[in-house]
Amino acid sequence: MFLKFAFYINILMKVTLYYKKVFGFLGLFCLLAGLRAQDSLATVTAEKGDGILSLLRKHGVNPYDHYDDFIAMNMDNLRDSVHLYAGRTYRIPSVKLDTVPVVDSIQKQTTEIKEVVGKDYAIFGKRHATVVAKSEKLKGAVYYLVSGHGGPDPGAMAVYAGKSLAEDEYAYDITLRLAKELLSHGAMVYVIIRDPNDGIRDERILKIDHDELAYGGKTVPLNHLARLKQRVDIVNELHRQNRGKFQRLIVTHVDSRSKGQNIDVFFYHHEKSKNGKKLAESIHKTFRKKYKKYQPNRTYTGTFGDRTELYLVRKTHPAMAYIEIGNIRNKKDQKRILVPENRQALAKWISEGVILDFEGGEIGRIR
């Protein structure tokens, strides 16, 4: 009787184990099927005119929360890391992962890792505050970034779709984006003209204000020469404090030549500055390379050269590059600065030129 009972118990255990395996496999199968379904639902095709921000908005994803996630997921399918190709398929970050505990756990771990390597800078605004380290290519380098005009001086003015555009707002936005790129590669960065409430902005029309301050919370003077002298004094004093380090200055303007003149990005340096010439040439070389790759049917006409007659070029001590980005009054060039992805691309290209300069650069004497 005991042997017969043991026989039935053994059969029951085998049946139970069999069903555990079957249902366990089915459970795993269902989980994987669910993930595949989610993945397929999160795949979209970019249409002509789409940008990363507009594509994310179109599919119900907050572009500011998931911009970096989108780039990480689609890095190999983007033009210069920021532009979409019309007709290509892209993955959209999922925002409803709480129904899949395993995926949710992985997402939480990823967030924790980002928090460890990232550092927040209030100057970039809440949406773009976190700088995630990409490399240490610029470790030990110091950069002073000056965006043109600001405070009481808006710089060149233009009108687009019935709304006013001011040079200083776009120069500042590109400068902030450049600062973030340089920081992500380990550089020390000083933003000389600063706005207390305008971080990096993703709008086409940037609201005009006059509350910019100079480094150290100093009011920007009304007088033109006094404004320039204030910037020179700040940069030269910081340069003195950082004596012995690799130091460079980058000044950014949005050119305002005649409406009919379609210009490219130009780079200037001090005529007697070997290091300044190398910096301007490195950025210029990067732009030529990018245009050749991404706009092969368009001739790049931007140049680099000396313009020592410019006050900031003549009076500042660090080796420097003075950059004129497009023509705010030209309809074709307006697209370059109005589209936020284009402003990001400009900043990224400049940063790549800066890295190229640093890799073969020298500390050197003043200038």
Protein backbone atom coordinates (compact mmCIF):
# COMPACT_ATOMS: atom_id res chain seq x y z
CA MET A 1 0.00 0.00 0.00
CA PHE A 2 2.82 2.35 0.90
CA LEU A 3 4.58 1.63 -2.46
CA LYS A 4 1.37 2.31 -4.38
CA PHE A 5 0.89 5.62 -2.55
CA ALA A 6 4.51 6.63 -3.28
CA PHE A 7 3.98 5.76 -6.96
CA TYR A 8 0.99 8.15 -7.22
CA ILE A 9 2.83 10.87 -5.33
CA ASN A 10 5.74 10.58 -7.79
CA ILE A 11 3.39 10.89 -10.78
CA LEU A 12 1.68 13.93 -9.21
CA MET A 13 5.03 15.66 -8.65
CA LYS A 14 6.07 15.05 -12.26
CA VAL A 15 2.78 16.44 -13.56
CA THR A 16 3.12 19.51 -11.30
CA LEU A 17 6.70 20.11 -12.51
CA TYR A 18 5.56 19.74 -16.12
CA TYR A 19 2.83 22.34 -15.71
CA LYS A 20 5.25 24.70 -13.93
CA LYS A 21 7.60 24.50 -16.88
CA VAL A 22 4.80 24.96 -19.40
CA PHE A 23 3.21 27.93 -17.67
CA GLY A 24 6.58 29.41 -16.79
CA PHE A 25 7.56 29.32 -20.45
CA LEU A 26 4.20 30.76 -21.46
CA GLY A 27 4.64 33.57 -18.92
CA LEU A 28 8.07 34.40 -20.32
CA PHE A 29 6.70 34.16 -23.86
CA CYS A 30 3.91 36.60 -22.98
CA LEU A 31 6.38 39.03 -21.40
CA LEU A 32 8.63 38.98 -24.48
CA ALA A 33 5.63 39.30 -26.79
CA GLY A 34 4.46 42.26 -24.77
CA LEU A 35 7.87 43.91 -25.03
CA ARG A 36 7.95 43.29 -28.78
CA ALA A 37 4.49 44.79 -29.10
CA GLN A 38 5.56 47.85 -27.14
CA ASP A 39 8.72 48.14 -29.25
CA SER A 40 6.77 47.99 -32.52
CA LEU A 41 4.30 50.60 -31.29
CA ALA A 42 7.20 52.91 -30.40
CA THR A 43 8.61 52.94 -33.94
CA VAL A 44 7.70 55.84 -36.25
CA THR A 45 8.73 57.19 -39.62
CA ALA A 46 10.01 60.77 -39.85
CA GLU A 47 8.29 63.00 -42.39
CA LYS A 48 9.78 65.94 -44.27
CA GLY A 49 10.06 68.92 -41.94
CA ASP A 50 10.11 66.82 -38.75
CA GLY A 51 12.63 67.64 -36.05
CA ILE A 52 13.32 65.64 -32.90
CA LEU A 53 11.23 67.99 -30.75
CA SER A 54 8.25 68.07 -33.12
CA LEU A 55 8.39 64.29 -33.68
CA LEU A 56 8.28 63.60 -29.94
CA ARG A 57 5.42 66.07 -29.43
CA LYS A 58 3.50 64.51 -32.34
CA HIS A 59 3.58 61.13 -30.63
CA GLY A 60 2.63 62.33 -27.17
CA VAL A 61 6.08 62.27 -25.58
CA ASN A 62 7.40 65.23 -23.59
CA PRO A 63 10.37 66.39 -25.73
CA TYR A 64 12.21 67.97 -22.82
CA ASP A 65 12.08 64.88 -20.61
CA HIS A 66 13.02 62.41 -23.34
CA TYR A 67 15.18 64.37 -25.82
CA ASP A 68 18.44 62.78 -24.64
CA ASP A 69 16.82 59.34 -24.48
CA PHE A 70 15.69 59.66 -28.10
CA ILE A 71 19.19 60.60 -29.26
CA ALA A 72 20.73 57.68 -27.33
CA MET A 73 18.24 55.24 -28.90
CA ASN A 74 18.71 56.53 -32.45
CA MET A 75 22.32 57.78 -32.50
CA ASP A 76 23.30 55.73 -35.58
CA ASN A 77 20.30 57.00 -37.53
CA LEU A 78 20.74 60.75 -37.01
CA ARG A 79 22.55 63.31 -39.11
CA ASP A 80 25.25 64.85 -36.93
CA SER A 81 23.50 63.54 -33.81
CA VAL A 82 20.65 66.07 -33.98
CA HIS A 83 18.86 65.89 -37.35
CA LEU A 84 16.32 63.35 -38.64
CA TYR A 85 16.32 61.81 -42.10
CA ALA A 86 12.91 62.02 -43.76
CA GLY A 87 11.55 58.56 -44.55
CA ARG A 88 13.68 56.75 -41.97
CA THR A 89 12.28 54.83 -39.00
CA TYR A 90 13.00 55.97 -35.44
CA ARG A 91 12.30 54.52 -32.01
CA ILE A 92 10.28 56.67 -29.63
CA PRO A 93 11.04 56.41 -25.89
CA SER A 94 8.17 54.65 -24.12
CA VAL A 95 6.53 56.56 -21.29
CA LYS A 96 4.25 53.73 -20.06
CA LEU A 97 6.60 51.11 -18.67
CA ASP A 98 5.07 50.58 -15.24
CA THR A 99 3.07 47.53 -16.46
CA VAL A 100 6.31 45.64 -17.08
CA PRO A 101 8.19 45.38 -13.75
CA VAL A 102 11.43 44.11 -15.34
CA VAL A 103 11.65 46.98 -17.83
CA ASP A 104 10.62 49.50 -15.15
CA SER A 105 13.45 48.26 -12.95
CA ILE A 106 15.96 48.66 -15.77
CA GLN A 107 14.68 52.20 -16.45
CA LYS A 108 15.10 53.12 -12.78
CA GLN A 109 18.66 51.77 -12.80
CA THR A 110 19.43 53.79 -15.93
CA THR A 111 18.07 56.94 -14.27
CA GLU A 112 20.21 56.30 -11.22
CA ILE A 113 23.32 55.95 -13.39
CA LYS A 114 22.54 59.24 -15.16
CA GLU A 115 22.17 60.98 -11.82
CA VAL A 116 25.61 59.75 -10.77
CA VAL A 117 27.46 60.99 -13.86
CA GLY A 118 25.39 64.14 -14.46
CA LYS A 119 25.79 67.57 -12.91
CA ASP A 120 23.21 70.36 -12.91
CA TYR A 121 23.94 73.92 -14.01
CA ALA A 122 21.12 76.40 -13.39
CA ILE A 123 22.31 78.67 -16.20
CA PHE A 124 21.01 76.17 -18.79
CA GLY A 125 17.45 76.28 -17.43
CA LYS A 126 15.40 73.49 -15.85
CA ARG A 127 14.85 71.55 -19.06
CA HIS A 128 18.54 71.39 -20.00
CA ALA A 129 20.24 71.79 -16.62
CA THR A 130 21.87 68.35 -16.44
CA VAL A 131 25.24 67.92 -18.14
CA VAL A 132 26.17 64.27 -18.64
CA ALA A 133 29.89 63.56 -19.03
CA LYS A 134 30.76 62.31 -22.53
CA SER A 135 34.54 62.31 -22.28
CA GLU A 136 37.56 64.06 -20.73
CA LYS A 137 38.90 65.29 -24.06
CA LEU A 138 39.02 68.90 -22.79
CA LYS A 139 40.17 68.19 -19.24
CA GLY A 140 42.49 70.98 -18.08
CA ALA A 141 41.26 73.48 -20.70
CA VAL A 142 39.59 76.80 -19.79
CA TYR A 143 37.16 78.56 -22.13
CA TYR A 144 35.65 82.04 -21.92
CA LEU A 145 32.45 82.39 -23.96
CA VAL A 146 31.10 85.82 -24.88
CA SER A 147 27.81 86.15 -26.78
CA GLY A 148 27.45 89.38 -28.70
CA HIS A 149 25.48 92.39 -27.43
CA GLY A 150 22.98 91.86 -24.58
CA GLY A 151 21.55 94.05 -21.84
CA PRO A 152 20.46 97.37 -23.34
CA ASP A 153 21.85 96.37 -26.76
CA PRO A 154 19.86 93.71 -28.69
CA GLY A 155 22.26 93.83 -31.64
CA ALA A 156 20.99 93.33 -35.19
CA MET A 157 17.20 93.20 -35.53
CA ALA A 158 14.97 91.45 -38.08
CA VAL A 159 11.34 90.41 -38.55
CA TYR A 160 10.09 86.86 -39.11
CA ALA A 161 6.40 85.94 -39.44
CA GLY A 162 5.50 89.37 -38.08
CA LYS A 163 7.65 88.95 -34.95
CA SER A 164 10.89 90.69 -34.04
CA LEU A 165 14.17 88.81 -33.85
CA ALA A 166 17.16 90.06 -31.87
CA GLU A 167 20.74 88.98 -32.50
CA ASP A 168 21.70 88.79 -28.83
CA GLU A 169 19.00 86.19 -28.00
CA TYR A 170 20.19 83.74 -30.68
CA ALA A 171 23.88 84.33 -30.04
CA TYR A 172 23.23 83.64 -26.34
CA ASP A 173 21.29 80.43 -27.01
CA ILE A 174 24.06 79.05 -29.24
CA THR A 175 26.65 80.10 -26.65
CA LEU A 176 24.82 78.21 -23.88
CA ARG A 177 24.60 75.11 -26.06
CA LEU A 178 28.31 75.39 -26.78
CA ALA A 179 29.06 75.79 -23.06
CA LYS A 180 27.13 72.60 -22.32
CA GLU A 181 29.02 70.68 -25.01
CA LEU A 182 32.40 71.87 -23.71
CA LEU A 183 31.47 71.00 -20.11
CA SER A 184 30.43 67.51 -21.18
CA HIS A 185 33.98 66.94 -22.41
CA GLY A 186 35.60 68.02 -19.14
CA ALA A 187 36.41 71.69 -19.81
CA MET A 188 36.15 74.57 -17.36
CA VAL A 189 33.78 77.14 -18.89
CA TYR A 190 33.05 80.79 -18.04
CA VAL A 191 29.93 82.30 -19.64
CA ILE A 192 30.67 86.02 -19.58
CA ILE A 193 27.25 87.43 -20.60
CA ARG A 194 24.49 85.72 -18.62
CA ASP A 195 20.70 85.88 -18.50
CA PRO A 196 19.17 85.11 -15.07
CA ASN A 197 16.05 83.44 -16.50
CA ASP A 198 16.74 82.46 -20.12
CA GLY A 199 18.35 79.04 -20.24
CA ILE A 200 18.68 76.99 -23.41
CA ARG A 201 15.43 77.49 -25.31
CA ASP A 202 13.79 75.25 -27.90
CA GLU A 203 11.48 77.80 -29.49
CA ARG A 204 11.94 79.25 -32.98
CA ILE A 205 11.07 82.79 -31.93
CA LEU A 206 13.12 83.71 -28.86
CA LYS A 207 11.49 86.34 -26.66
CA ILE A 208 13.45 89.58 -26.45
CA ASP A 209 14.44 90.99 -23.07
CA HIS A 210 17.17 93.27 -21.74
CA ASP A 211 18.05 91.72 -18.39
CA GLU A 212 21.39 90.15 -19.31
CA LEU A 213 24.24 90.72 -16.88
CA ALA A 214 28.00 90.45 -17.17
CA TYR A 215 29.96 87.80 -15.23
CA GLY A 216 29.88 88.55 -11.51
CA GLY A 217 26.36 90.03 -11.67
CA LYS A 218 27.54 93.31 -13.21
CA THR A 219 25.07 95.52 -15.06
CA VAL A 220 25.80 95.80 -18.78
CA PRO A 221 26.59 99.50 -19.58
CA LEU A 222 24.51 101.48 -22.05
CA ASN A 223 27.56 103.00 -23.74
CA HIS A 224 28.94 100.81 -26.53
CA LEU A 225 32.63 101.26 -25.74
CA ALA A 226 31.99 100.81 -22.01
CA ARG A 227 30.22 97.48 -22.74
CA LEU A 228 33.16 96.19 -24.73
CA LYS A 229 35.69 97.37 -22.15
CA GLN A 230 33.74 95.66 -19.37
CA ARG A 231 33.95 92.32 -21.22
CA VAL A 232 37.64 92.76 -21.95
CA ASP A 233 38.40 93.55 -18.30
CA ILE A 234 36.46 90.50 -17.05
CA VAL A 235 38.13 88.11 -19.51
CA ASN A 236 41.63 89.47 -18.90
CA GLU A 237 41.23 89.24 -15.12
CA LEU A 238 40.01 85.63 -15.35
CA HIS A 239 42.87 84.90 -17.71
CA ARG A 240 45.30 86.24 -15.11
CA GLN A 241 43.70 84.08 -12.39
CA ASN A 242 44.07 80.96 -14.56
CA ARG A 243 47.65 81.69 -15.57
CA GLY A 244 49.53 78.54 -16.62
CA LYS A 245 46.42 76.75 -17.95
CA PHE A 246 45.31 76.16 -21.52
CA GLN A 247 42.94 79.10 -22.12
CA ARG A 248 40.86 80.17 -25.12
CA LEU A 249 38.19 82.81 -25.78
CA ILE A 250 35.23 82.35 -28.16
CA VAL A 251 33.02 85.32 -29.11
CA THR A 252 29.74 84.61 -30.91
CA HIS A 253 27.77 87.05 -33.08
CA VAL A 254 24.93 86.70 -35.58
CA ASP A 255 26.02 88.83 -38.53
CA SER A 256 23.76 91.57 -39.92
CA ARG A 257 24.93 92.23 -43.45
CA SER A 258 22.53 93.24 -46.22
CA LYS A 259 19.34 91.21 -46.67
CA GLY A 260 20.31 89.98 -50.12
CA GLN A 261 23.70 88.63 -49.05
CA ASN A 262 23.56 84.98 -48.05
CA ILE A 263 26.64 84.39 -45.91
CA ASP A 264 28.17 81.42 -44.15
CA VAL A 265 29.85 81.12 -40.77
CA PHE A 266 33.04 83.21 -40.52
CA PHE A 267 35.91 82.95 -38.03
CA TYR A 268 38.36 85.68 -37.05
CA HIS A 269 41.47 85.92 -34.88
CA HIS A 270 44.18 88.38 -33.85
CA GLU A 271 46.70 88.88 -36.66
CA LYS A 272 49.67 88.19 -34.35
CA SER A 273 48.14 85.24 -32.51
CA LYS A 274 49.43 81.87 -33.69
CA ASN A 275 47.18 80.04 -31.24
CA GLY A 276 44.17 82.18 -32.13
CA LYS A 277 44.71 81.43 -35.80
CA LYS A 278 44.93 77.71 -35.05
CA LEU A 279 41.68 77.81 -33.03
CA ALA A 280 39.78 79.67 -35.78
CA GLU A 281 41.24 77.40 -38.44
CA SER A 282 40.33 74.23 -36.51
CA ILE A 283 36.68 75.30 -36.19
CA HIS A 284 36.61 76.44 -39.82
CA LYS A 285 38.07 73.10 -40.95
CA THR A 286 35.37 71.27 -38.98
CA PHE A 287 32.61 73.31 -40.66
CA ARG A 288 34.01 72.63 -44.13
CA LYS A 289 34.09 68.92 -43.35
CA LYS A 290 30.49 68.96 -42.07
CA TYR A 291 29.19 70.86 -45.09
CA LYS A 292 30.97 68.49 -47.45
CA LYS A 293 29.35 65.51 -45.71
CA TYR A 294 25.84 66.83 -45.12
CA GLN A 295 25.40 69.40 -47.90
CA PRO A 296 27.56 68.07 -50.78
CA ASN A 297 25.69 70.14 -53.39
CA ARG A 298 26.26 73.41 -51.56
CA THR A 299 29.57 75.25 -51.64
CA TYR A 300 30.73 76.44 -48.23
CA THR A 301 31.96 80.02 -48.55
CA GLY A 302 32.79 80.76 -44.91
CA THR A 303 36.38 81.77 -44.23
CA PHE A 304 38.75 82.44 -41.34
CA GLY A 305 41.13 85.37 -41.12
CA ASP A 306 42.39 88.18 -38.90
CA ARG A 307 40.28 91.16 -37.88
CA THR A 308 42.42 92.94 -35.34
CA GLU A 309 40.37 96.12 -35.74
CA LEU A 310 37.60 94.52 -33.64
CA TYR A 311 37.90 95.75 -30.05
CA LEU A 312 37.52 92.33 -28.38
CA VAL A 313 39.99 90.77 -30.79
CA ARG A 314 42.53 93.52 -30.19
CA LYS A 315 42.26 93.95 -26.42
CA THR A 316 41.66 90.50 -24.89
CA HIS A 317 44.61 88.37 -23.76
CA PRO A 318 43.60 84.73 -24.38
CA ALA A 319 44.00 83.24 -27.85
CA MET A 320 40.57 83.69 -29.38
CA ALA A 321 38.14 82.99 -32.20
CA TYR A 322 35.49 85.54 -33.13
CA ILE A 323 32.57 83.80 -34.85
CA GLU A 324 29.88 85.35 -37.06
CA ILE A 325 26.99 82.91 -37.50
CA GLY A 326 24.81 83.63 -40.51
CA ASN A 327 22.83 86.74 -41.33
CA ILE A 328 19.78 87.35 -39.16
CA ARG A 329 18.22 89.51 -41.90
CA ASN A 330 18.60 86.95 -44.67
CA LYS A 331 15.64 84.58 -45.10
CA LYS A 332 17.81 81.55 -45.90
CA ASP A 333 20.18 82.19 -43.04
CA GLN A 334 17.31 82.76 -40.62
CA LYS A 335 16.52 79.04 -40.90
CA ARG A 336 19.99 78.29 -39.58
CA ILE A 337 19.34 80.11 -36.33
CA LEU A 338 15.56 79.81 -35.89
CA VAL A 339 15.41 76.01 -35.87
CA PRO A 340 16.58 74.83 -32.42
CA GLU A 341 18.11 71.64 -33.85
CA ASN A 342 20.24 73.82 -36.15
CA ARG A 343 21.43 75.90 -33.20
CA GLN A 344 22.38 72.67 -31.46
CA ALA A 345 24.24 71.46 -34.55
CA LEU A 346 26.17 74.76 -34.78
CA ALA A 347 27.20 74.46 -31.13
CA LYS A 348 28.24 70.84 -31.63
CA TRP A 349 30.31 71.64 -34.72
CA ILE A 350 32.06 74.49 -32.93
CA SER A 351 32.81 72.19 -29.98
CA GLU A 352 34.31 69.59 -32.31
CA GLY A 353 36.57 72.26 -33.78
CA VAL A 354 37.53 73.31 -30.25
CA ILE A 355 38.44 69.72 -29.39
CA LEU A 356 40.51 69.48 -32.58
CA ASP A 357 42.38 72.63 -31.54
CA PHE A 358 42.99 71.41 -27.99
CA GLU A 359 44.32 68.02 -29.08
CA GLY A 360 47.23 69.64 -30.92
CA GLY A 361 47.34 72.97 -29.08
CA GLU A 362 49.65 74.62 -26.62
CA ILE A 363 49.28 76.86 -23.60
CA GLY A 364 51.48 79.50 -25.21
CA ARG A 365 52.08 83.11 -24.24
CA ILE A 366 49.37 85.78 -24.07
CA ARG A 367 47.48 85.44 -27.35
